PDB file of N, CA and C in Angstrom:
ATOM      1  N   MET A   1      -4.965 -11.487   1.822  1.00  0.00           N
ATOM      2  CA  MET A   1      -5.050 -10.316   0.970  1.00  0.00           C
ATOM      3  C   MET A   1      -4.000  -9.300   1.443  1.00  0.00           C
ATOM      4  N   SER A   2      -3.397  -8.625   0.493  1.00  0.00           N
ATOM      5  CA  SER A   2      -2.346  -7.676   0.850  1.00  0.00           C
ATOM      6  C   SER A   2      -2.926  -6.431   1.521  1.00  0.00           C
ATOM      7  N   GLU A   3      -2.048  -5.721   2.193  1.00  0.00           N
ATOM      8  CA  GLU A   3      -2.463  -4.503   2.898  1.00  0.00           C
ATOM      9  C   GLU A   3      -2.997  -3.457   1.923  1.00  0.00           C
ATOM     10  N   LEU A   4      -2.352  -3.341   0.758  1.00  0.00           N
ATOM     11  CA  LEU A   4      -2.783  -2.363  -0.235  1.00  0.00           C
ATOM     12  C   LEU A   4      -4.191  -2.684  -0.744  1.00  0.00           C
ATOM     13  N   LYS A   5      -4.444  -3.953  -1.030  1.00  0.00           N
ATOM     14  CA  LYS A   5      -5.775  -4.331  -1.521  1.00  0.00           C
ATOM     15  C   LYS A   5      -6.842  -4.076  -0.460  1.00  0.00           C
ATOM     16  N   GLU A   6      -6.515  -4.325   0.795  1.00  0.00           N
ATOM     17  CA  GLU A   6      -7.471  -4.061   1.872  1.00  0.00           C
ATOM     18  C   GLU A   6      -7.762  -2.567   1.975  1.00  0.00           C
ATOM     19  N   LEU A   7      -6.705  -1.745   1.842  1.00  0.00           N
ATOM     20  CA  LEU A   7      -6.900  -0.289   1.866  1.00  0.00           C
ATOM     21  C   LEU A   7      -7.797   0.159   0.717  1.00  0.00           C
ATOM     22  N   ILE A   8      -7.558  -0.406  -0.448  1.00  0.00           N
ATOM     23  CA  ILE A   8      -8.357  -0.037  -1.624  1.00  0.00           C
ATOM     24  C   ILE A   8      -9.824  -0.389  -1.395  1.00  0.00           C
ATOM     25  N   LEU A   9     -10.071  -1.598  -0.917  1.00  0.00           N
ATOM     26  CA  LEU A   9     -11.452  -2.024  -0.678  1.00  0.00           C
ATOM     27  C   LEU A   9     -12.130  -1.143   0.368  1.00  0.00           C
ATOM     28  N   GLN A  10     -11.403  -0.784   1.419  1.00  0.00           N
ATOM     29  CA  GLN A  10     -11.971   0.089   2.453  1.00  0.00           C
ATOM     30  C   GLN A  10     -12.245   1.479   1.888  1.00  0.00           C
ATOM     31  N   ALA A  11     -11.315   1.984   1.087  1.00  0.00           N
ATOM     32  CA  ALA A  11     -11.486   3.319   0.502  1.00  0.00           C
ATOM     33  C   ALA A  11     -12.679   3.334  -0.454  1.00  0.00           C
ATOM     34  N   LYS A  12     -12.871   2.248  -1.189  1.00  0.00           N
ATOM     35  CA  LYS A  12     -14.008   2.169  -2.114  1.00  0.00           C
ATOM     36  C   LYS A  12     -15.334   2.181  -1.361  1.00  0.00           C
ATOM     37  N   GLN A  13     -15.300   1.788  -0.101  1.00  0.00           N
ATOM     38  CA  GLN A  13     -16.510   1.803   0.717  1.00  0.00           C
ATOM     39  C   GLN A  13     -16.607   3.093   1.531  1.00  0.00           C
ATOM     40  N   LYS A  14     -15.903   4.109   1.063  1.00  0.00           N
ATOM     41  CA  LYS A  14     -15.961   5.473   1.606  1.00  0.00           C
ATOM     42  C   LYS A  14     -15.394   5.591   3.021  1.00  0.00           C
ATOM     43  N   ASP A  15     -14.356   4.785   3.308  1.00  0.00           N
ATOM     44  CA  ASP A  15     -13.628   4.906   4.563  1.00  0.00           C
ATOM     45  C   ASP A  15     -12.574   6.010   4.369  1.00  0.00           C
ATOM     46  N   LEU A  16     -12.785   7.150   5.026  1.00  0.00           N
ATOM     47  CA  LEU A  16     -11.911   8.307   4.819  1.00  0.00           C
ATOM     48  C   LEU A  16     -10.489   8.064   5.298  1.00  0.00           C
ATOM     49  N   LYS A  17     -10.329   7.313   6.377  1.00  0.00           N
ATOM     50  CA  LYS A  17      -8.979   7.003   6.886  1.00  0.00           C
ATOM     51  C   LYS A  17      -8.205   6.189   5.859  1.00  0.00           C
ATOM     52  N   ALA A  18      -8.863   5.199   5.266  1.00  0.00           N
ATOM     53  CA  ALA A  18      -8.205   4.366   4.256  1.00  0.00           C
ATOM     54  C   ALA A  18      -7.850   5.195   3.022  1.00  0.00           C
ATOM     55  N   MET A  19      -8.754   6.058   2.595  1.00  0.00           N
ATOM     56  CA  MET A  19      -8.485   6.911   1.434  1.00  0.00           C
ATOM     57  C   MET A  19      -7.313   7.848   1.726  1.00  0.00           C
ATOM     58  N   GLU A  20      -7.281   8.395   2.935  1.00  0.00           N
ATOM     59  CA  GLU A  20      -6.181   9.289   3.311  1.00  0.00           C
ATOM     60  C   GLU A  20      -4.855   8.546   3.310  1.00  0.00           C
ATOM     61  N   GLU A  21      -4.849   7.332   3.831  1.00  0.00           N
ATOM     62  CA  GLU A  21      -3.619   6.544   3.861  1.00  0.00           C
ATOM     63  C   GLU A  21      -3.148   6.205   2.449  1.00  0.00           C
ATOM     64  N   LEU A  22      -4.075   5.834   1.588  1.00  0.00           N
ATOM     65  CA  LEU A  22      -3.729   5.576   0.182  1.00  0.00           C
ATOM     66  C   LEU A  22      -3.179   6.839  -0.481  1.00  0.00           C
ATOM     67  N   PHE A  23      -3.840   7.940  -0.228  1.00  0.00           N
ATOM     68  CA  PHE A  23      -3.420   9.212  -0.820  1.00  0.00           C
ATOM     69  C   PHE A  23      -1.996   9.562  -0.384  1.00  0.00           C
ATOM     70  N   LEU A  24      -1.702   9.380   0.895  1.00  0.00           N
ATOM     71  CA  LEU A  24      -0.363   9.694   1.400  1.00  0.00           C
ATOM     72  C   LEU A  24       0.699   8.783   0.800  1.00  0.00           C
ATOM     73  N   LYS A  25       0.338   7.522   0.535  1.00  0.00           N
ATOM     74  CA  LYS A  25       1.291   6.598  -0.088  1.00  0.00           C
ATOM     75  C   LYS A  25       1.608   7.009  -1.526  1.00  0.00           C
ATOM     76  N   PHE A  26       0.616   7.544  -2.228  1.00  0.00           N
ATOM     77  CA  PHE A  26       0.802   7.879  -3.642  1.00  0.00           C
ATOM     78  C   PHE A  26       1.027   9.370  -3.881  1.00  0.00           C
ATOM     79  N   ARG A  27       1.143  10.131  -2.822  1.00  0.00           N
ATOM     80  CA  ARG A  27       1.358  11.574  -2.961  1.00  0.00           C
ATOM     81  C   ARG A  27       2.631  11.922  -3.742  1.00  0.00           C
ATOM     82  N   PRO A  28       3.765  11.216  -3.531  1.00  0.00           N
ATOM     83  CA  PRO A  28       4.951  11.532  -4.350  1.00  0.00           C
ATOM     84  C   PRO A  28       4.698  11.389  -5.850  1.00  0.00           C
ATOM     85  N   LEU A  29       3.907  10.397  -6.240  1.00  0.00           N
ATOM     86  CA  LEU A  29       3.562  10.241  -7.654  1.00  0.00           C
ATOM     87  C   LEU A  29       2.742  11.432  -8.141  1.00  0.00           C
ATOM     88  N   LEU A  30       1.775  11.857  -7.345  1.00  0.00           N
ATOM     89  CA  LEU A  30       0.943  12.995  -7.728  1.00  0.00           C
ATOM     90  C   LEU A  30       1.787  14.261  -7.867  1.00  0.00           C
ATOM     91  N   LYS A  31       2.716  14.454  -6.930  1.00  0.00           N
ATOM     92  CA  LYS A  31       3.589  15.637  -6.986  1.00  0.00           C
ATOM     93  C   LYS A  31       4.463  15.623  -8.235  1.00  0.00           C
ATOM     94  N   SER A  32       5.039  14.470  -8.545  1.00  0.00           N
ATOM     95  CA  SER A  32       5.926  14.407  -9.716  1.00  0.00           C
ATOM     96  C   SER A  32       5.151  14.649 -11.010  1.00  0.00           C
ATOM     97  N   GLN A  33       3.938  14.129 -11.094  1.00  0.00           N
ATOM     98  CA  GLN A  33       3.130  14.363 -12.286  1.00  0.00           C
ATOM     99  C   GLN A  33       2.729  15.833 -12.399  1.00  0.00           C
ATOM    100  N   ALA A  34       2.420  16.451 -11.275  1.00  0.00           N
ATOM    101  CA  ALA A  34       2.053  17.867 -11.285  1.00  0.00           C
ATOM    102  C   ALA A  34       3.245  18.727 -11.712  1.00  0.00           C
ATOM    103  N   LYS A  35       4.432  18.384 -11.252  1.00  0.00           N
ATOM    104  CA  LYS A  35       5.628  19.148 -11.633  1.00  0.00           C
ATOM    105  C   LYS A  35       5.903  19.048 -13.128  1.00  0.00           C
ATOM    106  N   ARG A  36       5.591  17.896 -13.706  1.00  0.00           N
ATOM    107  CA  ARG A  36       5.782  17.723 -15.147  1.00  0.00           C
ATOM    108  C   ARG A  36       5.006  18.758 -15.942  1.00  0.00           C
ATOM    109  N   TYR A  37       3.787  19.024 -15.527  1.00  0.00           N
ATOM    110  CA  TYR A  37       2.931  19.936 -16.285  1.00  0.00           C
ATOM    111  C   TYR A  37       3.169  21.406 -15.930  1.00  0.00           C
ATOM    112  N   THR A  38       3.847  21.685 -14.827  1.00  0.00           N
ATOM    113  CA  THR A  38       4.169  23.085 -14.538  1.00  0.00           C
ATOM    114  C   THR A  38       5.228  23.582 -15.510  1.00  0.00           C
ATOM    115  N   ARG A  39       6.062  22.685 -16.014  1.00  0.00           N
ATOM    116  CA  ARG A  39       7.053  23.077 -17.023  1.00  0.00           C
ATOM    117  C   ARG A  39       6.378  23.481 -18.328  1.00  0.00           C
ATOM    118  N   ALA A  40       5.134  23.050 -18.496  1.00  0.00           N
ATOM    119  CA  ALA A  40       4.391  23.385 -19.713  1.00  0.00           C
ATOM    120  C   ALA A  40       3.549  24.643 -19.534  1.00  0.00           C
ATOM    121  N   GLY A  41       3.652  25.287 -18.369  1.00  0.00           N
ATOM    122  CA  GLY A  41       2.961  26.556 -18.175  1.00  0.00           C
ATOM    123  C   GLY A  41       1.771  26.530 -17.243  1.00  0.00           C
ATOM    124  N   LEU A  42       1.411  25.382 -16.713  1.00  0.00           N
ATOM    125  CA  LEU A  42       0.280  25.301 -15.796  1.00  0.00           C
ATOM    126  C   LEU A  42       0.712  25.614 -14.368  1.00  0.00           C
ATOM    127  N   GLU A  43      -0.223  26.050 -13.555  1.00  0.00           N
ATOM    128  CA  GLU A  43       0.040  26.333 -12.137  1.00  0.00           C
ATOM    129  C   GLU A  43       0.141  25.027 -11.366  1.00  0.00           C
ATOM    130  N   TYR A  44       1.180  24.891 -10.522  1.00  0.00           N
ATOM    131  CA  TYR A  44       1.404  23.653  -9.773  1.00  0.00           C
ATOM    132  C   TYR A  44       0.209  23.284  -8.901  1.00  0.00           C
ATOM    133  N   GLU A  45      -0.312  24.236  -8.158  1.00  0.00           N
ATOM    134  CA  GLU A  45      -1.420  23.937  -7.234  1.00  0.00           C
ATOM    135  C   GLU A  45      -2.654  23.428  -7.976  1.00  0.00           C
ATOM    136  N   GLU A  46      -2.945  24.033  -9.112  1.00  0.00           N
ATOM    137  CA  GLU A  46      -4.105  23.600  -9.898  1.00  0.00           C
ATOM    138  C   GLU A  46      -3.914  22.184 -10.434  1.00  0.00           C
ATOM    139  N   VAL A  47      -2.718  21.907 -10.934  1.00  0.00           N
ATOM    140  CA  VAL A  47      -2.448  20.584 -11.494  1.00  0.00           C
ATOM    141  C   VAL A  47      -2.438  19.533 -10.385  1.00  0.00           C
ATOM    142  N   PHE A  48      -1.856  19.861  -9.230  1.00  0.00           N
ATOM    143  CA  PHE A  48      -1.841  18.908  -8.120  1.00  0.00           C
ATOM    144  C   PHE A  48      -3.266  18.616  -7.641  1.00  0.00           C
ATOM    145  N   GLN A  49      -4.090  19.643  -7.590  1.00  0.00           N
ATOM    146  CA  GLN A  49      -5.483  19.453  -7.191  1.00  0.00           C
ATOM    147  C   GLN A  49      -6.217  18.562  -8.203  1.00  0.00           C
ATOM    148  N   GLN A  50      -5.965  18.777  -9.479  1.00  0.00           N
ATOM    149  CA  GLN A  50      -6.573  17.950 -10.521  1.00  0.00           C
ATOM    150  C   GLN A  50      -6.085  16.502 -10.400  1.00  0.00           C
ATOM    151  N   ALA A  51      -4.784  16.320 -10.156  1.00  0.00           N
ATOM    152  CA  ALA A  51      -4.225  14.973  -9.993  1.00  0.00           C
ATOM    153  C   ALA A  51      -4.838  14.280  -8.779  1.00  0.00           C
ATOM    154  N   SER A  52      -5.075  15.029  -7.709  1.00  0.00           N
ATOM    155  CA  SER A  52      -5.689  14.463  -6.507  1.00  0.00           C
ATOM    156  C   SER A  52      -7.112  13.991  -6.790  1.00  0.00           C
ATOM    157  N   LEU A  53      -7.850  14.791  -7.512  1.00  0.00           N
ATOM    158  CA  LEU A  53      -9.211  14.406  -7.880  1.00  0.00           C
ATOM    159  C   LEU A  53      -9.198  13.165  -8.772  1.00  0.00           C
ATOM    160  N   LEU A  54      -8.288  13.130  -9.731  1.00  0.00           N
ATOM    161  CA  LEU A  54      -8.166  11.966 -10.607  1.00  0.00           C
ATOM    162  C   LEU A  54      -7.798  10.714  -9.804  1.00  0.00           C
ATOM    163  N   PHE A  55      -6.951  10.882  -8.793  1.00  0.00           N
ATOM    164  CA  PHE A  55      -6.567   9.755  -7.941  1.00  0.00           C
ATOM    165  C   PHE A  55      -7.782   9.179  -7.216  1.00  0.00           C
ATOM    166  N   ILE A  56      -8.577  10.049  -6.617  1.00  0.00           N
ATOM    167  CA  ILE A  56      -9.759   9.594  -5.873  1.00  0.00           C
ATOM    168  C   ILE A  56     -10.735   8.874  -6.801  1.00  0.00           C
ATOM    169  N   LEU A  57     -10.974   9.447  -7.974  1.00  0.00           N
ATOM    170  CA  LEU A  57     -11.873   8.807  -8.933  1.00  0.00           C
ATOM    171  C   LEU A  57     -11.326   7.455  -9.400  1.00  0.00           C
ATOM    172  N   ALA A  58     -10.009   7.379  -9.594  1.00  0.00           N
ATOM    173  CA  ALA A  58      -9.394   6.128 -10.032  1.00  0.00           C
ATOM    174  C   ALA A  58      -9.501   5.052  -8.962  1.00  0.00           C
ATOM    175  N   VAL A  59      -9.399   5.436  -7.697  1.00  0.00           N
ATOM    176  CA  VAL A  59      -9.551   4.458  -6.617  1.00  0.00           C
ATOM    177  C   VAL A  59     -10.946   3.857  -6.672  1.00  0.00           C
ATOM    178  N   TYR A  60     -11.960   4.678  -6.869  1.00  0.00           N
ATOM    179  CA  TYR A  60     -13.332   4.175  -6.925  1.00  0.00           C
ATOM    180  C   TYR A  60     -13.574   3.304  -8.159  1.00  0.00           C
ATOM    181  N   ASP A  61     -12.881   3.586  -9.261  1.00  0.00           N
ATOM    182  CA  ASP A  61     -13.074   2.827 -10.500  1.00  0.00           C
ATOM    183  C   ASP A  61     -12.244   1.544 -10.567  1.00  0.00           C
ATOM    184  N   TYR A  62     -11.210   1.444  -9.752  1.00  0.00           N
ATOM    185  CA  TYR A  62     -10.284   0.307  -9.825  1.00  0.00           C
ATOM    186  C   TYR A  62     -10.991  -0.994  -9.450  1.00  0.00           C
ATOM    187  N   GLN A  63     -10.749  -2.027 -10.251  1.00  0.00           N
ATOM    188  CA  GLN A  63     -11.304  -3.353  -9.992  1.00  0.00           C
ATOM    189  C   GLN A  63     -10.210  -4.225  -9.386  1.00  0.00           C
ATOM    190  N   VAL A  64     -10.351  -4.574  -8.119  1.00  0.00           N
ATOM    191  CA  VAL A  64      -9.322  -5.327  -7.397  1.00  0.00           C
ATOM    192  C   VAL A  64      -9.118  -6.708  -8.007  1.00  0.00           C
ATOM    193  N   LYS A  65     -10.133  -7.289  -8.583  1.00  0.00           N
ATOM    194  CA  LYS A  65     -10.061  -8.644  -9.120  1.00  0.00           C
ATOM    195  C   LYS A  65      -9.141  -8.748 -10.332  1.00  0.00           C
ATOM    196  N   GLU A  66      -8.983  -7.668 -11.051  1.00  0.00           N
ATOM    197  CA  GLU A  66      -8.184  -7.690 -12.273  1.00  0.00           C
ATOM    198  C   GLU A  66      -6.701  -7.912 -11.965  1.00  0.00           C
ATOM    199  N   ASP A  67      -5.965  -8.338 -12.982  1.00  0.00           N
ATOM    200  CA  ASP A  67      -4.533  -8.592 -12.826  1.00  0.00           C
ATOM    201  C   ASP A  67      -3.697  -7.328 -13.017  1.00  0.00           C
ATOM    202  N   ILE A  68      -4.345  -6.195 -13.163  1.00  0.00           N
ATOM    203  CA  ILE A  68      -3.637  -4.931 -13.359  1.00  0.00           C
ATOM    204  C   ILE A  68      -3.158  -4.422 -12.002  1.00  0.00           C
ATOM    205  N   PRO A  69      -1.867  -4.157 -11.860  1.00  0.00           N
ATOM    206  CA  PRO A  69      -1.378  -3.632 -10.577  1.00  0.00           C
ATOM    207  C   PRO A  69      -1.946  -2.233 -10.315  1.00  0.00           C
ATOM    208  N   PHE A  70      -2.241  -1.968  -9.060  1.00  0.00           N
ATOM    209  CA  PHE A  70      -2.863  -0.702  -8.678  1.00  0.00           C
ATOM    210  C   PHE A  70      -1.987   0.490  -9.035  1.00  0.00           C
ATOM    211  N   ALA A  71      -0.685   0.397  -8.734  1.00  0.00           N
ATOM    212  CA  ALA A  71       0.219   1.529  -8.995  1.00  0.00           C
ATOM    213  C   ALA A  71       0.264   1.865 -10.490  1.00  0.00           C
ATOM    214  N   GLY A  72       0.325   0.854 -11.333  1.00  0.00           N
ATOM    215  CA  GLY A  72       0.337   1.096 -12.776  1.00  0.00           C
ATOM    216  C   GLY A  72      -0.969   1.695 -13.267  1.00  0.00           C
ATOM    217  N   TYR A  73      -2.064   1.206 -12.720  1.00  0.00           N
ATOM    218  CA  TYR A  73      -3.383   1.721 -13.082  1.00  0.00           C
ATOM    219  C   TYR A  73      -3.509   3.194 -12.697  1.00  0.00           C
ATOM    220  N   ILE A  74      -3.093   3.516 -11.474  1.00  0.00           N
ATOM    221  CA  ILE A  74      -3.180   4.897 -10.985  1.00  0.00           C
ATOM    222  C   ILE A  74      -2.323   5.817 -11.847  1.00  0.00           C
ATOM    223  N   LYS A  75      -1.104   5.384 -12.132  1.00  0.00           N
ATOM    224  CA  LYS A  75      -0.201   6.227 -12.921  1.00  0.00           C
ATOM    225  C   LYS A  75      -0.774   6.504 -14.310  1.00  0.00           C
ATOM    226  N   LYS A  76      -1.325   5.467 -14.929  1.00  0.00           N
ATOM    227  CA  LYS A  76      -1.894   5.640 -16.267  1.00  0.00           C
ATOM    228  C   LYS A  76      -3.103   6.572 -16.237  1.00  0.00           C
ATOM    229  N   ARG A  77      -3.976   6.396 -15.255  1.00  0.00           N
ATOM    230  CA  ARG A  77      -5.173   7.253 -15.149  1.00  0.00           C
ATOM    231  C   ARG A  77      -4.797   8.704 -14.907  1.00  0.00           C
ATOM    232  N   ILE A  78      -3.810   8.941 -14.042  1.00  0.00           N
ATOM    233  CA  ILE A  78      -3.395  10.314 -13.739  1.00  0.00           C
ATOM    234  C   ILE A  78      -2.727  10.940 -14.961  1.00  0.00           C
ATOM    235  N   ASN A  79      -1.853  10.187 -15.627  1.00  0.00           N
ATOM    236  CA  ASN A  79      -1.207  10.719 -16.832  1.00  0.00           C
ATOM    237  C   ASN A  79      -2.232  11.099 -17.885  1.00  0.00           C
ATOM    238  N   TRP A  80      -3.184  10.221 -18.125  1.00  0.00           N
ATOM    239  CA  TRP A  80      -4.199  10.492 -19.135  1.00  0.00           C
ATOM    240  C   TRP A  80      -5.068  11.690 -18.738  1.00  0.00           C
ATOM    241  N   GLY A  81      -5.496  11.731 -17.495  1.00  0.00           N
ATOM    242  CA  GLY A  81      -6.343  12.825 -17.026  1.00  0.00           C
ATOM    243  C   GLY A  81      -5.644  14.167 -17.076  1.00  0.00           C
ATOM    244  N   LEU A  82      -4.375  14.197 -16.683  1.00  0.00           N
ATOM    245  CA  LEU A  82      -3.625  15.464 -16.724  1.00  0.00           C
ATOM    246  C   LEU A  82      -3.337  15.881 -18.165  1.00  0.00           C
ATOM    247  N   TRP A  83      -3.133  14.909 -19.041  1.00  0.00           N
ATOM    248  CA  TRP A  83      -2.933  15.251 -20.453  1.00  0.00           C
ATOM    249  C   TRP A  83      -4.187  15.911 -21.022  1.00  0.00           C
ATOM    250  N   MET A  84      -5.348  15.367 -20.695  1.00  0.00           N
ATOM    251  CA  MET A  84      -6.600  15.955 -21.158  1.00  0.00           C
ATOM    252  C   MET A  84      -6.795  17.355 -20.554  1.00  0.00           C
ATOM    253  N   TYR A  85      -6.438  17.513 -19.292  1.00  0.00           N
ATOM    254  CA  TYR A  85      -6.521  18.811 -18.622  1.00  0.00           C
ATOM    255  C   TYR A  85      -5.611  19.821 -19.329  1.00  0.00           C
ATOM    256  N   TYR A  86      -4.404  19.392 -19.701  1.00  0.00           N
ATOM    257  CA  TYR A  86      -3.450  20.256 -20.390  1.00  0.00           C
ATOM    258  C   TYR A  86      -3.973  20.644 -21.771  1.00  0.00           C
ATOM    259  N   ARG A  87      -4.571  19.697 -22.476  1.00  0.00           N
ATOM    260  CA  ARG A  87      -5.119  20.012 -23.796  1.00  0.00           C
ATOM    261  C   ARG A  87      -6.235  21.052 -23.706  1.00  0.00           C
ATOM    262  N   LYS A  88      -7.061  20.942 -22.669  1.00  0.00           N
ATOM    263  CA  LYS A  88      -8.130  21.922 -22.465  1.00  0.00           C
ATOM    264  C   LYS A  88      -7.514  23.302 -22.181  1.00  0.00           C
ATOM    265  N   TYR A  89      -6.434  23.324 -21.406  1.00  0.00           N
ATOM    266  CA  TYR A  89      -5.722  24.567 -21.109  1.00  0.00           C
ATOM    267  C   TYR A  89      -5.174  25.193 -22.389  1.00  0.00           C
ATOM    268  N   LEU A  90      -4.552  24.382 -23.245  1.00  0.00           N
ATOM    269  CA  LEU A  90      -4.005  24.901 -24.503  1.00  0.00           C
ATOM    270  C   LEU A  90      -5.104  25.458 -25.403  1.00  0.00           C
ATOM    271  N   LYS A  91      -6.232  24.763 -25.454  1.00  0.00           N
ATOM    272  CA  LYS A  91      -7.354  25.218 -26.279  1.00  0.00           C
ATOM    273  C   LYS A  91      -7.834  26.586 -25.805  1.00  0.00           C
ATOM    274  N   GLN A  92      -7.933  26.789 -24.482  1.00  0.00           N
ATOM    275  CA  GLN A  92      -8.349  28.085 -23.948  1.00  0.00           C
ATOM    276  C   GLN A  92      -7.326  29.162 -24.278  1.00  0.00           C
ATOM    277  N   ARG A  93      -6.045  28.825 -24.185  1.00  0.00           N
ATOM    278  CA  ARG A  93      -4.999  29.810 -24.506  1.00  0.00           C
ATOM    279  C   ARG A  93      -5.068  30.232 -25.957  1.00  0.00           C
ATOM    280  N   ILE A  94      -5.334  29.306 -26.849  1.00  0.00           N
ATOM    281  CA  ILE A  94      -5.435  29.628 -28.277  1.00  0.00           C
ATOM    282  C   ILE A  94      -6.621  30.560 -28.513  1.00  0.00           C
ATOM    283  N   GLU A  95      -7.751  30.248 -27.870  1.00  0.00           N
ATOM    284  CA  GLU A  95      -8.943  31.077 -28.042  1.00  0.00           C
ATOM    285  C   GLU A  95      -8.706  32.487 -27.514  1.00  0.00           C
ATOM    286  N   ILE A  96      -8.052  32.618 -26.379  1.00  0.00           N
ATOM    287  CA  ILE A  96      -7.828  33.926 -25.772  1.00  0.00           C
ATOM    288  C   ILE A  96      -6.825  34.734 -26.591  1.00  0.00           C
ATOM    289  N   SER A  97      -5.713  34.112 -26.990  1.00  0.00           N
ATOM    290  CA  SER A  97      -4.671  34.868 -27.686  1.00  0.00           C
ATOM    291  C   SER A  97      -5.065  35.247 -29.112  1.00  0.00           C
ATOM    292  N   SER A  98      -5.845  34.411 -29.782  1.00  0.00           N
ATOM    293  CA  SER A  98      -6.185  34.697 -31.170  1.00  0.00           C
ATOM    294  C   SER A  98      -7.536  35.391 -31.310  1.00  0.00           C
ATOM    295  N   GLY A  99      -8.387  35.235 -30.316  1.00  0.00           N
ATOM    296  CA  GLY A  99      -9.741  35.772 -30.420  1.00  0.00           C
ATOM    297  C   GLY A  99     -10.633  34.902 -31.269  1.00  0.00           C
ATOM    298  N   LEU A 100     -10.087  33.786 -31.738  1.00  0.00           N
ATOM    299  CA  LEU A 100     -10.843  32.863 -32.574  1.00  0.00           C
ATOM    300  C   LEU A 100     -11.070  31.550 -31.836  1.00  0.00           C
ATOM    301  N   LYS A 101     -12.107  30.873 -32.225  1.00  0.00           N
ATOM    302  CA  LYS A 101     -12.301  29.520 -31.720  1.00  0.00           C
ATOM    303  C   LYS A 101     -11.432  28.582 -32.539  1.00  0.00           C
ATOM    304  N   PRO A 102     -10.987  27.447 -31.948  1.00  0.00           N
ATOM    305  CA  PRO A 102     -10.101  26.544 -32.702  1.00  0.00           C
ATOM    306  C   PRO A 102     -10.671  26.112 -34.057  1.00  0.00           C
ATOM    307  N   GLU A 103     -12.000  26.014 -34.171  1.00  0.00           N
ATOM    308  CA  GLU A 103     -12.591  25.615 -35.452  1.00  0.00           C
ATOM    309  C   GLU A 103     -12.393  26.695 -36.510  1.00  0.00           C
ATOM    310  N   GLU A 104     -12.221  27.957 -36.092  1.00  0.00           N
ATOM    311  CA  GLU A 104     -12.105  29.055 -37.026  1.00  0.00           C
ATOM    312  C   GLU A 104     -10.664  29.364 -37.423  1.00  0.00           C
ATOM    313  N   LEU A 105      -9.697  28.699 -36.788  1.00  0.00           N
ATOM    314  CA  LEU A 105      -8.311  28.987 -37.082  1.00  0.00           C
ATOM    315  C   LEU A 105      -7.968  28.549 -38.508  1.00  0.00           C
ATOM    316  N   PRO A 106      -7.164  29.346 -39.205  1.00  0.00           N
ATOM    317  CA  PRO A 106      -6.776  28.965 -40.587  1.00  0.00           C
ATOM    318  C   PRO A 106      -5.902  27.721 -40.548  1.00  0.00           C
ATOM    319  N   GLN A 107      -6.089  26.871 -41.520  1.00  0.00           N
ATOM    320  CA  GLN A 107      -5.325  25.613 -41.585  1.00  0.00           C
ATOM    321  C   GLN A 107      -4.028  25.796 -42.295  1.00  0.00           C
TER     322      GLN A 107
END
């Protein structure tokens, strides 16, 4: 079994050292994704924290038996999670700036 798969299995069993090592390996990916959304108006620290949480949750959800590579799975989960986070941010901005809820906005 590869070193990465062993780390994943250990991290899934709540081994903090393994989770930390995995996190450090994928930290550049988390940083780059967070920087993408700061250009859209979000705070870097908040987005990086959200990406970190999404990473941890994705590690626990990942199925080692599947033929899906871990790096691709992580990237897709983080992209999707940050996109949803950004949409929630935009919805709040619309509500604050207009004073209306999105359902009440004129079409």
